Structures are given as structure tokens and as C-alpha cells.
N, C-alpha and C. Protein backbone atom coordinates (compact mmCIF):
# COMPACT_ATOMS: atom_id res chain seq x y z
N UNK A 1 -6.35 -27.79 -1.39
CA UNK A 1 -6.69 -26.40 -1.34
C UNK A 1 -5.60 -25.58 -0.69
N UNK A 2 -5.28 -24.46 -1.30
CA UNK A 2 -4.19 -23.55 -0.75
C UNK A 2 -4.59 -22.91 0.59
N UNK A 3 -3.68 -22.84 1.47
CA UNK A 3 -3.96 -22.05 2.68
C UNK A 3 -3.82 -20.56 2.29
N UNK A 4 -4.39 -19.67 3.04
CA UNK A 4 -4.36 -18.21 2.68
C UNK A 4 -2.94 -17.63 2.40
N UNK A 5 -1.99 -18.05 3.25
CA UNK A 5 -0.57 -17.50 3.06
C UNK A 5 0.11 -18.14 1.87
N UNK A 6 -0.52 -19.03 1.12
CA UNK A 6 0.04 -19.62 -0.15
C UNK A 6 -0.59 -18.93 -1.34
N UNK A 7 -1.58 -18.05 -1.20
CA UNK A 7 -2.25 -17.44 -2.32
C UNK A 7 -1.45 -16.34 -2.97
N UNK A 8 -1.73 -16.02 -4.18
CA UNK A 8 -1.06 -14.98 -4.84
C UNK A 8 -1.29 -13.58 -4.19
N UNK A 9 -2.47 -13.39 -3.77
CA UNK A 9 -2.89 -12.12 -3.11
C UNK A 9 -2.10 -11.98 -1.86
N UNK A 10 -1.94 -12.97 -0.99
CA UNK A 10 -1.10 -12.90 0.16
C UNK A 10 0.28 -12.62 -0.11
N UNK A 11 0.85 -13.20 -1.13
CA UNK A 11 2.26 -13.02 -1.46
C UNK A 11 2.49 -11.65 -1.99
N UNK A 12 1.59 -11.15 -2.77
CA UNK A 12 1.65 -9.75 -3.27
C UNK A 12 1.58 -8.78 -2.11
N UNK A 13 0.62 -8.99 -1.18
CA UNK A 13 0.55 -8.06 -0.03
C UNK A 13 1.79 -8.14 0.86
N UNK A 14 2.34 -9.34 1.08
CA UNK A 14 3.49 -9.47 1.87
C UNK A 14 4.73 -8.78 1.22
N UNK A 15 4.80 -8.84 -0.06
CA UNK A 15 5.83 -8.18 -0.77
C UNK A 15 5.78 -6.63 -0.60
N UNK A 16 4.53 -6.14 -0.73
CA UNK A 16 4.22 -4.68 -0.55
C UNK A 16 4.58 -4.26 0.78
N UNK A 17 4.25 -5.04 1.76
CA UNK A 17 4.54 -4.69 3.18
C UNK A 17 6.07 -4.67 3.38
N UNK A 18 6.80 -5.55 2.79
CA UNK A 18 8.26 -5.50 2.89
C UNK A 18 8.85 -4.23 2.25
N UNK A 19 8.26 -3.77 1.12
CA UNK A 19 8.73 -2.55 0.51
C UNK A 19 8.46 -1.38 1.35
N UNK A 20 7.34 -1.33 2.03
CA UNK A 20 7.01 -0.24 2.91
C UNK A 20 7.88 -0.24 4.18
N UNK A 21 8.16 -1.39 4.72
CA UNK A 21 9.05 -1.56 5.84
C UNK A 21 10.43 -0.89 5.52
N UNK A 22 10.97 -1.26 4.38
CA UNK A 22 12.23 -0.66 3.93
C UNK A 22 12.13 0.87 3.86
N UNK A 23 11.05 1.35 3.22
CA UNK A 23 10.90 2.72 3.06
C UNK A 23 10.75 3.47 4.44
N UNK A 24 10.05 2.88 5.36
CA UNK A 24 9.91 3.50 6.67
C UNK A 24 11.21 3.53 7.45
N UNK A 25 11.96 2.38 7.38
CA UNK A 25 13.26 2.33 8.05
C UNK A 25 14.18 3.39 7.55
N UNK A 26 14.26 3.56 6.20
CA UNK A 26 15.12 4.59 5.62
C UNK A 26 14.73 6.05 6.03
N UNK A 27 13.46 6.17 6.39
CA UNK A 27 12.87 7.50 6.80
C UNK A 27 13.04 7.74 8.30
N UNK A 28 13.66 6.78 9.06
CA UNK A 28 13.79 6.94 10.51
C UNK A 28 12.57 6.58 11.28
N UNK A 29 11.77 5.70 10.72
CA UNK A 29 10.54 5.19 11.26
C UNK A 29 10.71 3.72 11.56
N UNK A 30 10.37 3.27 12.80
CA UNK A 30 10.53 1.89 13.16
C UNK A 30 9.13 1.17 13.04
N UNK A 31 8.97 0.28 12.02
CA UNK A 31 7.65 -0.44 11.93
C UNK A 31 7.65 -1.74 12.76
N UNK A 32 6.58 -1.91 13.48
CA UNK A 32 6.42 -3.11 14.33
C UNK A 32 5.20 -3.87 13.65
N UNK A 33 5.48 -5.17 13.40
CA UNK A 33 4.46 -5.97 12.73
C UNK A 33 3.89 -7.09 13.63
N UNK A 34 2.76 -7.55 13.31
CA UNK A 34 2.19 -8.74 14.04
C UNK A 34 3.04 -9.92 14.03
N UNK A 35 3.09 -10.68 15.06
CA UNK A 35 3.96 -11.91 15.18
C UNK A 35 3.36 -13.03 14.31
N UNK A 36 2.06 -13.05 14.19
CA UNK A 36 1.28 -14.18 13.57
C UNK A 36 0.78 -13.78 12.23
N UNK A 37 0.95 -14.75 11.24
CA UNK A 37 0.37 -14.53 9.95
C UNK A 37 -1.14 -14.89 10.03
N UNK A 38 -1.91 -14.05 10.58
CA UNK A 38 -3.34 -14.27 10.72
C UNK A 38 -4.03 -12.91 10.62
N UNK A 39 -5.34 -12.90 10.72
CA UNK A 39 -6.02 -11.64 10.71
C UNK A 39 -5.54 -10.76 11.80
N UNK A 40 -5.29 -9.48 11.46
CA UNK A 40 -4.81 -8.51 12.47
C UNK A 40 -5.48 -7.16 12.18
N UNK A 41 -5.57 -6.25 13.16
CA UNK A 41 -6.29 -5.07 13.03
C UNK A 41 -5.63 -4.02 12.07
N UNK A 42 -4.32 -4.13 11.87
CA UNK A 42 -3.61 -3.22 11.00
C UNK A 42 -2.25 -3.86 10.71
N UNK A 43 -1.59 -3.35 9.66
CA UNK A 43 -0.38 -3.95 9.20
C UNK A 43 0.88 -3.65 10.04
N UNK A 44 0.99 -2.35 10.45
CA UNK A 44 2.16 -1.92 11.26
C UNK A 44 1.75 -0.85 12.29
N UNK A 45 2.38 -0.97 13.47
CA UNK A 45 2.35 0.12 14.37
C UNK A 45 3.77 0.79 14.23
N UNK A 46 3.82 2.06 13.99
CA UNK A 46 5.08 2.67 13.75
C UNK A 46 5.41 3.83 14.71
N UNK A 47 6.75 3.94 15.01
CA UNK A 47 7.23 4.98 15.86
C UNK A 47 8.41 5.64 15.21
N UNK A 48 8.56 6.94 15.39
CA UNK A 48 9.76 7.60 14.94
C UNK A 48 10.90 7.30 15.88
N UNK A 49 12.13 7.31 15.35
CA UNK A 49 13.31 7.00 16.17
C UNK A 49 13.43 7.96 17.32
N UNK A 50 12.96 9.16 17.20
CA UNK A 50 13.06 10.16 18.29
C UNK A 50 11.90 9.97 19.29
N UNK A 51 11.03 8.97 19.08
CA UNK A 51 9.91 8.61 19.97
C UNK A 51 8.83 9.73 20.11
N UNK A 52 8.85 10.67 19.11
CA UNK A 52 7.90 11.74 19.10
C UNK A 52 6.67 11.48 18.26
N UNK A 53 6.66 10.47 17.43
CA UNK A 53 5.48 10.17 16.52
C UNK A 53 5.19 8.75 16.68
N UNK A 54 3.85 8.50 16.71
CA UNK A 54 3.30 7.11 16.77
C UNK A 54 2.10 7.07 15.83
N UNK A 55 2.09 6.14 14.95
CA UNK A 55 0.97 5.98 14.03
C UNK A 55 0.83 4.63 13.54
N UNK A 56 -0.25 4.29 12.91
CA UNK A 56 -0.59 3.00 12.33
C UNK A 56 -0.32 3.13 10.83
N UNK A 57 0.16 2.05 10.28
CA UNK A 57 0.35 2.02 8.80
C UNK A 57 -0.46 0.78 8.24
N UNK A 58 -1.18 1.07 7.23
CA UNK A 58 -1.87 0.02 6.42
C UNK A 58 -1.35 0.05 5.01
N UNK A 59 -1.04 -1.18 4.45
CA UNK A 59 -0.48 -1.23 3.18
C UNK A 59 -1.47 -1.89 2.19
N UNK A 60 -1.86 -1.22 1.08
CA UNK A 60 -2.74 -1.76 0.09
C UNK A 60 -1.90 -1.96 -1.16
N UNK A 61 -1.64 -3.16 -1.56
CA UNK A 61 -0.91 -3.46 -2.77
C UNK A 61 -1.82 -3.72 -3.94
N UNK A 62 -2.23 -2.63 -4.55
CA UNK A 62 -3.27 -2.73 -5.58
C UNK A 62 -3.19 -1.51 -6.56
N UNK A 63 -3.64 -1.77 -7.73
CA UNK A 63 -3.76 -0.75 -8.75
C UNK A 63 -4.94 0.16 -8.52
N UNK A 64 -4.86 1.42 -9.05
CA UNK A 64 -6.00 2.25 -9.09
C UNK A 64 -7.07 1.60 -9.95
N UNK A 65 -8.36 2.14 -9.78
CA UNK A 65 -9.40 1.52 -10.68
C UNK A 65 -9.14 1.89 -12.11
N UNK A 66 -9.56 0.99 -12.95
CA UNK A 66 -9.42 1.15 -14.43
C UNK A 66 -10.02 2.42 -14.98
N UNK A 67 -11.24 2.61 -14.64
CA UNK A 67 -12.05 3.62 -15.35
C UNK A 67 -12.16 4.98 -14.58
N UNK A 68 -11.70 4.94 -13.32
CA UNK A 68 -11.80 6.21 -12.49
C UNK A 68 -10.44 6.50 -11.86
N UNK A 69 -10.28 7.72 -11.59
CA UNK A 69 -9.06 8.17 -10.99
C UNK A 69 -9.13 8.09 -9.43
N UNK A 70 -9.29 6.88 -8.99
CA UNK A 70 -9.48 6.65 -7.58
C UNK A 70 -9.07 5.20 -7.21
N UNK A 71 -9.02 5.02 -5.92
CA UNK A 71 -8.65 3.67 -5.39
C UNK A 71 -9.34 3.54 -4.07
N UNK A 72 -9.34 2.34 -3.54
CA UNK A 72 -10.06 2.14 -2.32
C UNK A 72 -9.74 0.80 -1.62
N UNK A 73 -10.54 0.46 -0.62
CA UNK A 73 -10.36 -0.78 0.05
C UNK A 73 -11.66 -1.19 0.78
N UNK A 74 -11.66 -2.34 1.41
CA UNK A 74 -12.82 -2.86 2.05
C UNK A 74 -13.37 -1.88 3.15
N UNK A 75 -14.71 -1.68 3.08
CA UNK A 75 -15.34 -0.67 3.90
C UNK A 75 -15.21 -1.09 5.44
N UNK A 76 -15.29 -2.29 5.72
CA UNK A 76 -15.18 -2.77 7.14
C UNK A 76 -13.75 -2.43 7.68
N UNK A 77 -12.74 -2.54 6.82
CA UNK A 77 -11.41 -2.15 7.23
C UNK A 77 -11.37 -0.60 7.52
N UNK A 78 -12.02 0.15 6.67
CA UNK A 78 -12.10 1.63 6.81
C UNK A 78 -12.71 1.91 8.17
N UNK A 79 -13.84 1.26 8.61
CA UNK A 79 -14.46 1.46 9.90
C UNK A 79 -13.48 1.16 10.99
N UNK A 80 -12.69 0.10 10.83
CA UNK A 80 -11.67 -0.28 11.88
C UNK A 80 -10.64 0.82 12.02
N UNK A 81 -10.07 1.34 10.90
CA UNK A 81 -9.08 2.32 10.91
C UNK A 81 -9.61 3.67 11.52
N UNK A 82 -10.87 4.00 11.09
CA UNK A 82 -11.45 5.17 11.62
C UNK A 82 -11.61 5.15 13.15
N UNK A 83 -11.96 3.94 13.62
CA UNK A 83 -12.12 3.75 15.13
C UNK A 83 -10.83 3.95 15.75
N UNK A 84 -9.73 3.47 15.19
CA UNK A 84 -8.41 3.71 15.86
C UNK A 84 -8.15 5.15 16.02
N UNK A 85 -8.39 5.90 14.99
CA UNK A 85 -8.12 7.29 15.01
C UNK A 85 -9.09 8.00 15.90
N UNK A 86 -10.38 7.76 15.77
CA UNK A 86 -11.41 8.45 16.61
C UNK A 86 -11.29 8.09 18.11
N UNK A 87 -11.11 6.82 18.37
CA UNK A 87 -11.07 6.34 19.85
C UNK A 87 -9.77 6.58 20.55
N UNK A 88 -8.62 6.35 19.84
CA UNK A 88 -7.33 6.40 20.46
C UNK A 88 -6.47 7.59 20.05
N UNK A 89 -6.96 8.35 19.07
CA UNK A 89 -6.29 9.52 18.45
C UNK A 89 -4.92 9.18 17.87
N UNK A 90 -4.82 7.90 17.36
CA UNK A 90 -3.64 7.43 16.66
C UNK A 90 -3.94 7.57 15.14
N UNK A 91 -3.08 8.36 14.46
CA UNK A 91 -3.27 8.56 13.02
C UNK A 91 -3.01 7.26 12.27
N UNK A 92 -3.78 7.03 11.13
CA UNK A 92 -3.62 5.85 10.35
C UNK A 92 -3.21 6.35 8.98
N UNK A 93 -2.02 5.84 8.57
CA UNK A 93 -1.53 6.19 7.21
C UNK A 93 -1.74 5.02 6.34
N UNK A 94 -2.37 5.27 5.10
CA UNK A 94 -2.63 4.29 4.21
C UNK A 94 -1.64 4.43 3.02
N UNK A 95 -0.79 3.42 2.79
CA UNK A 95 0.04 3.37 1.60
C UNK A 95 -0.66 2.50 0.59
N UNK A 96 -0.60 3.00 -0.74
CA UNK A 96 -1.04 2.21 -1.86
C UNK A 96 0.21 1.97 -2.67
N UNK A 97 0.44 0.64 -3.05
CA UNK A 97 1.48 0.35 -3.96
C UNK A 97 0.80 -0.06 -5.23
N UNK A 98 1.03 0.81 -6.25
CA UNK A 98 0.33 0.66 -7.53
C UNK A 98 1.27 0.33 -8.66
N UNK A 99 1.25 -1.01 -8.97
CA UNK A 99 2.19 -1.47 -10.07
C UNK A 99 1.83 -1.02 -11.40
N UNK A 100 0.56 -0.64 -11.64
CA UNK A 100 0.21 -0.03 -12.95
C UNK A 100 0.79 1.37 -13.16
N UNK A 101 0.63 2.25 -12.22
CA UNK A 101 1.21 3.57 -12.30
C UNK A 101 2.61 3.59 -12.05
N UNK A 102 3.21 2.49 -11.38
CA UNK A 102 4.59 2.46 -11.03
C UNK A 102 4.92 3.42 -9.87
N UNK A 103 4.01 3.52 -8.94
CA UNK A 103 4.20 4.44 -7.80
C UNK A 103 3.71 3.84 -6.46
N UNK A 104 4.29 4.42 -5.43
CA UNK A 104 3.85 4.16 -4.08
C UNK A 104 3.25 5.49 -3.63
N UNK A 105 2.04 5.58 -3.24
CA UNK A 105 1.49 6.85 -2.81
C UNK A 105 0.66 6.60 -1.48
N UNK A 106 0.41 7.67 -0.78
CA UNK A 106 -0.37 7.50 0.43
C UNK A 106 -0.61 8.74 1.13
N UNK A 107 -1.43 8.64 2.21
CA UNK A 107 -1.80 9.76 3.02
C UNK A 107 -2.43 9.31 4.29
N UNK A 108 -2.60 10.15 5.24
CA UNK A 108 -3.34 9.81 6.46
C UNK A 108 -4.80 9.74 6.16
N UNK A 109 -5.44 8.79 6.78
CA UNK A 109 -6.93 8.55 6.52
C UNK A 109 -7.68 9.82 6.79
N UNK A 110 -7.37 10.53 7.84
CA UNK A 110 -8.12 11.78 8.15
C UNK A 110 -7.94 12.86 7.07
N UNK A 111 -6.89 12.74 6.29
CA UNK A 111 -6.70 13.75 5.17
C UNK A 111 -7.42 13.44 3.94
N UNK A 112 -7.78 12.08 3.70
CA UNK A 112 -8.50 11.69 2.49
C UNK A 112 -9.95 11.41 2.78
N UNK A 113 -10.35 11.36 3.95
CA UNK A 113 -11.77 11.01 4.37
C UNK A 113 -12.55 12.37 4.48
N UNK A 114 -12.47 13.13 3.44
CA UNK A 114 -13.22 14.46 3.41
C UNK A 114 -14.07 14.46 2.16
N UNK A 115 -15.14 15.21 2.20
CA UNK A 115 -16.06 15.23 1.07
C UNK A 115 -15.48 16.00 -0.12
N UNK A 116 -15.38 15.41 -1.23
CA UNK A 116 -14.97 16.03 -2.49
C UNK A 116 -15.85 15.61 -3.64
N UNK A 117 -15.86 16.32 -4.69
CA UNK A 117 -16.73 16.03 -5.86
C UNK A 117 -15.86 15.93 -7.10
N UNK A 118 -15.97 14.83 -7.82
CA UNK A 118 -15.26 14.59 -9.12
C UNK A 118 -16.10 15.26 -10.23
N UNK A 119 -15.47 16.34 -10.79
CA UNK A 119 -16.26 17.11 -11.79
C UNK A 119 -16.38 16.27 -13.13
N UNK A 120 -15.51 15.43 -13.42
CA UNK A 120 -15.54 14.71 -14.68
C UNK A 120 -16.63 13.56 -14.58
N UNK A 121 -16.58 12.79 -13.47
CA UNK A 121 -17.37 11.59 -13.43
C UNK A 121 -18.74 11.89 -12.59
N UNK A 122 -18.75 13.04 -12.06
CA UNK A 122 -19.94 13.49 -11.28
C UNK A 122 -20.22 12.54 -10.15
N UNK A 123 -19.11 12.32 -9.40
CA UNK A 123 -19.14 11.40 -8.20
C UNK A 123 -18.71 12.13 -6.96
N UNK A 124 -19.41 11.82 -5.91
CA UNK A 124 -19.05 12.41 -4.63
C UNK A 124 -18.17 11.39 -3.85
N UNK A 125 -17.06 11.83 -3.25
CA UNK A 125 -16.16 11.02 -2.49
C UNK A 125 -16.17 11.44 -1.03
N UNK A 126 -15.91 10.56 -0.14
CA UNK A 126 -15.71 9.14 -0.27
C UNK A 126 -16.96 8.54 -0.90
N UNK A 127 -16.56 7.49 -1.75
CA UNK A 127 -17.59 6.76 -2.54
C UNK A 127 -17.64 5.35 -2.01
N UNK A 128 -18.85 4.95 -1.66
CA UNK A 128 -19.04 3.55 -1.16
C UNK A 128 -19.84 2.79 -2.19
N UNK A 129 -19.30 1.63 -2.68
CA UNK A 129 -19.96 0.77 -3.65
C UNK A 129 -19.99 -0.65 -3.08
N UNK A 130 -20.97 -1.36 -3.44
CA UNK A 130 -21.16 -2.77 -3.02
C UNK A 130 -21.09 -3.61 -4.27
N UNK A 131 -19.99 -4.30 -4.45
CA UNK A 131 -19.87 -5.21 -5.57
C UNK A 131 -19.31 -6.52 -4.90
N UNK A 132 -20.15 -7.33 -4.30
CA UNK A 132 -19.77 -8.41 -3.47
C UNK A 132 -19.47 -7.81 -2.11
N UNK A 133 -18.22 -7.34 -1.91
CA UNK A 133 -17.90 -6.64 -0.62
C UNK A 133 -18.18 -5.17 -0.83
N UNK A 134 -18.41 -4.51 0.35
CA UNK A 134 -18.55 -3.08 0.30
C UNK A 134 -17.23 -2.48 0.33
N UNK A 135 -17.02 -1.53 -0.66
CA UNK A 135 -15.68 -0.91 -0.87
C UNK A 135 -15.90 0.62 -0.75
N UNK A 136 -14.85 1.21 -0.11
CA UNK A 136 -14.86 2.71 -0.05
C UNK A 136 -13.71 3.17 -0.95
N UNK A 137 -13.99 4.21 -1.76
CA UNK A 137 -13.05 4.82 -2.64
C UNK A 137 -12.75 6.18 -2.34
N UNK A 138 -11.48 6.58 -2.66
CA UNK A 138 -11.01 7.96 -2.45
C UNK A 138 -10.28 8.40 -3.79
N UNK A 139 -10.40 9.68 -4.08
CA UNK A 139 -9.76 10.17 -5.34
C UNK A 139 -8.24 10.20 -5.14
N UNK A 140 -7.51 9.87 -6.18
CA UNK A 140 -6.15 9.82 -6.21
C UNK A 140 -5.42 11.18 -5.83
N UNK A 141 -6.08 12.30 -6.30
CA UNK A 141 -5.41 13.58 -6.06
C UNK A 141 -5.32 13.87 -4.57
N UNK A 142 -6.27 13.40 -3.77
CA UNK A 142 -6.21 13.52 -2.31
C UNK A 142 -5.14 12.59 -1.63
N UNK A 143 -5.16 11.32 -2.10
CA UNK A 143 -4.23 10.38 -1.56
C UNK A 143 -2.81 10.81 -1.89
N UNK A 144 -2.60 11.28 -3.12
CA UNK A 144 -1.22 11.70 -3.56
C UNK A 144 -0.77 13.03 -3.11
N UNK A 145 -1.71 13.81 -2.38
CA UNK A 145 -1.27 15.07 -1.94
C UNK A 145 -0.27 15.09 -0.85
N UNK A 146 0.00 13.95 -0.20
CA UNK A 146 0.96 13.92 0.86
C UNK A 146 2.24 13.21 0.52
N UNK A 147 2.14 12.03 -0.20
CA UNK A 147 3.28 11.23 -0.41
C UNK A 147 3.21 10.48 -1.79
N UNK A 148 4.26 10.61 -2.61
CA UNK A 148 4.36 9.90 -3.86
C UNK A 148 5.80 9.49 -4.04
N UNK A 149 6.05 8.24 -4.38
CA UNK A 149 7.38 7.80 -4.72
C UNK A 149 7.36 6.89 -5.86
N UNK A 150 8.34 6.97 -6.77
CA UNK A 150 8.39 6.12 -7.96
C UNK A 150 8.75 4.66 -7.41
N UNK A 151 8.02 3.76 -7.99
CA UNK A 151 8.21 2.33 -7.73
C UNK A 151 9.33 1.79 -8.68
N UNK A 152 10.49 1.34 -8.17
CA UNK A 152 11.53 0.78 -9.10
C UNK A 152 10.99 -0.26 -9.98
N UNK A 153 11.48 -0.32 -11.27
CA UNK A 153 11.00 -1.30 -12.23
C UNK A 153 11.00 -2.69 -11.81
N UNK A 154 12.08 -3.11 -11.10
CA UNK A 154 12.16 -4.50 -10.62
C UNK A 154 10.98 -4.84 -9.70
N UNK A 155 10.60 -3.98 -8.84
CA UNK A 155 9.51 -4.24 -7.90
C UNK A 155 8.17 -4.21 -8.63
N UNK A 156 8.15 -3.29 -9.70
CA UNK A 156 6.91 -3.24 -10.48
C UNK A 156 6.66 -4.55 -11.19
N UNK A 157 7.77 -5.09 -11.74
CA UNK A 157 7.69 -6.43 -12.51
C UNK A 157 7.28 -7.52 -11.50
N UNK A 158 7.96 -7.63 -10.34
CA UNK A 158 7.55 -8.67 -9.42
C UNK A 158 6.09 -8.54 -9.00
N UNK A 159 5.59 -7.37 -8.67
CA UNK A 159 4.21 -7.19 -8.32
C UNK A 159 3.28 -7.53 -9.49
N UNK A 160 3.61 -7.15 -10.65
CA UNK A 160 2.80 -7.47 -11.84
C UNK A 160 2.70 -9.00 -11.98
N UNK A 161 3.79 -9.73 -11.69
CA UNK A 161 3.77 -11.17 -11.76
C UNK A 161 2.88 -11.78 -10.74
N UNK A 162 2.59 -11.09 -9.75
CA UNK A 162 1.70 -11.59 -8.68
C UNK A 162 0.24 -11.09 -8.79
N UNK A 163 0.01 -10.35 -9.83
CA UNK A 163 -1.28 -9.73 -10.00
C UNK A 163 -2.30 -10.69 -10.61
N UNK A 164 -3.52 -10.57 -10.13
CA UNK A 164 -4.67 -11.34 -10.63
C UNK A 164 -5.31 -10.66 -11.75
N UNK A 165 -5.16 -9.39 -11.92
CA UNK A 165 -5.83 -8.59 -12.96
C UNK A 165 -4.96 -8.46 -14.15
N UNK A 166 -5.41 -8.85 -15.35
CA UNK A 166 -4.55 -8.75 -16.56
C UNK A 166 -5.20 -7.87 -17.64
N UNK A 167 -6.16 -7.04 -17.25
CA UNK A 167 -6.76 -6.29 -18.31
C UNK A 167 -6.07 -5.00 -18.54
N UNK A 168 -6.33 -4.37 -19.73
CA UNK A 168 -5.60 -3.12 -20.11
C UNK A 168 -6.28 -1.95 -19.39
N UNK A 169 -5.58 -0.95 -19.09
CA UNK A 169 -6.10 0.18 -18.37
C UNK A 169 -6.48 1.31 -19.43
N UNK A 170 -7.60 1.92 -19.15
CA UNK A 170 -8.00 2.98 -20.02
C UNK A 170 -8.49 4.13 -19.11
N UNK A 171 -9.54 4.88 -19.51
CA UNK A 171 -10.08 6.00 -18.77
C UNK A 171 -9.17 7.21 -18.78
N UNK A 172 -9.55 8.21 -17.98
CA UNK A 172 -8.78 9.43 -17.97
C UNK A 172 -8.44 9.76 -16.51
N UNK A 173 -7.73 10.82 -16.38
CA UNK A 173 -7.38 11.30 -15.03
C UNK A 173 -8.36 12.33 -14.55
N UNK A 174 -9.49 11.93 -14.06
CA UNK A 174 -10.50 12.88 -13.56
C UNK A 174 -9.89 13.55 -12.37
N UNK A 175 -10.43 14.74 -12.09
CA UNK A 175 -9.93 15.48 -10.90
C UNK A 175 -11.07 15.69 -9.95
N UNK A 176 -10.78 15.72 -8.68
CA UNK A 176 -11.78 15.89 -7.66
C UNK A 176 -11.55 17.27 -7.01
N UNK A 177 -12.64 17.89 -6.73
CA UNK A 177 -12.55 19.22 -6.08
C UNK A 177 -13.30 19.11 -4.72
N UNK A 178 -12.88 19.95 -3.76
CA UNK A 178 -13.52 19.96 -2.52
C UNK A 178 -14.88 20.46 -2.69
N UNK A 179 -15.79 19.91 -1.88
CA UNK A 179 -17.20 20.25 -1.94
C UNK A 179 -17.41 21.55 -1.21
């Protein structure tokens, strides 16, 4: 049986974290990562080189959902990130690396954790669904309102090779409106 750090999901996540580390360093941000490859409360603690900004970074290396114009992550992780912000007043930035769209996008949790309504799908966000694990979803237009960068083709290909999902994407680009 494979150990967790030998799985495809782990390798894809580690590759995504490496891409974000490079991006942060180029932007004058110093990312600090856990020493141990084990469960940890967040992926990176980051500080600006001028020491005036401190924030947490979480990296999600995953595609948007096939039929909806949204993406999300484990609800228990959401509660952990929300606690970091609420209790310690440290902003949490969520990066999504989407090899289907060929983009890196992200925003601060407190900017996407607001009530919105998707006029096309008639869904209220944040949306919590339970399919095995409880997942919280946010509309892409909120996530992308702060940061979007094109993912170079070479990285898109590497991430696709590490993907467990091989289905074709359909659906449309629904829009969410503030409630």
C-alpha cells in the first residue's frame, strides 16, 4: 500500500505548492512552510519582505466543478481557516490552481465568504454539500475578483498528468450576484 506522500493527489498538491511558492517569491513575499510532510493547519505562513504584511496561504490544486461555475474545498478546512482569521485576525488567502481552465486564481477567504446568489443555477453561496465529505463551494467570479494568472502550458500538462479526473467538461459560466 502506498504511503500518502506517494499518492498522485499528494504529488499534484506538492507541485501546486511549489508553483505558488515561486509566484510569492517573485512578488516580494516570503513563504514559510511546515518542516514535516504530515497534517498541518495550513500550507504557508507568508510575510512581505518589508515585514508589513503577514497572512496564511492555502493552495488547492484542483479544477472548477464540471457543471457549475464554482469550486471549493473540505468544509472542516474552511472552519480551520475561518478560525485563524476570526481568532488571530490573520488573513487567509486561498489559491486555486485549475489545470482545466489553465489559470491560477485566488482571493482572501473573507472576500469570498459572503452571501451571493447564482441567477442561472438558482443556488446560494457559500454552498455546502455533503457527498462523502462535506464540501463548501464559492462562485468563481468572487474568487477571481482579486487574482488571476495564466498557468503556463508546461505546468498545465504536468498537473493534467497527475489528475485523477479524466471526464470532459461541459456546463456554462453562470454568474453570481450579491444577495
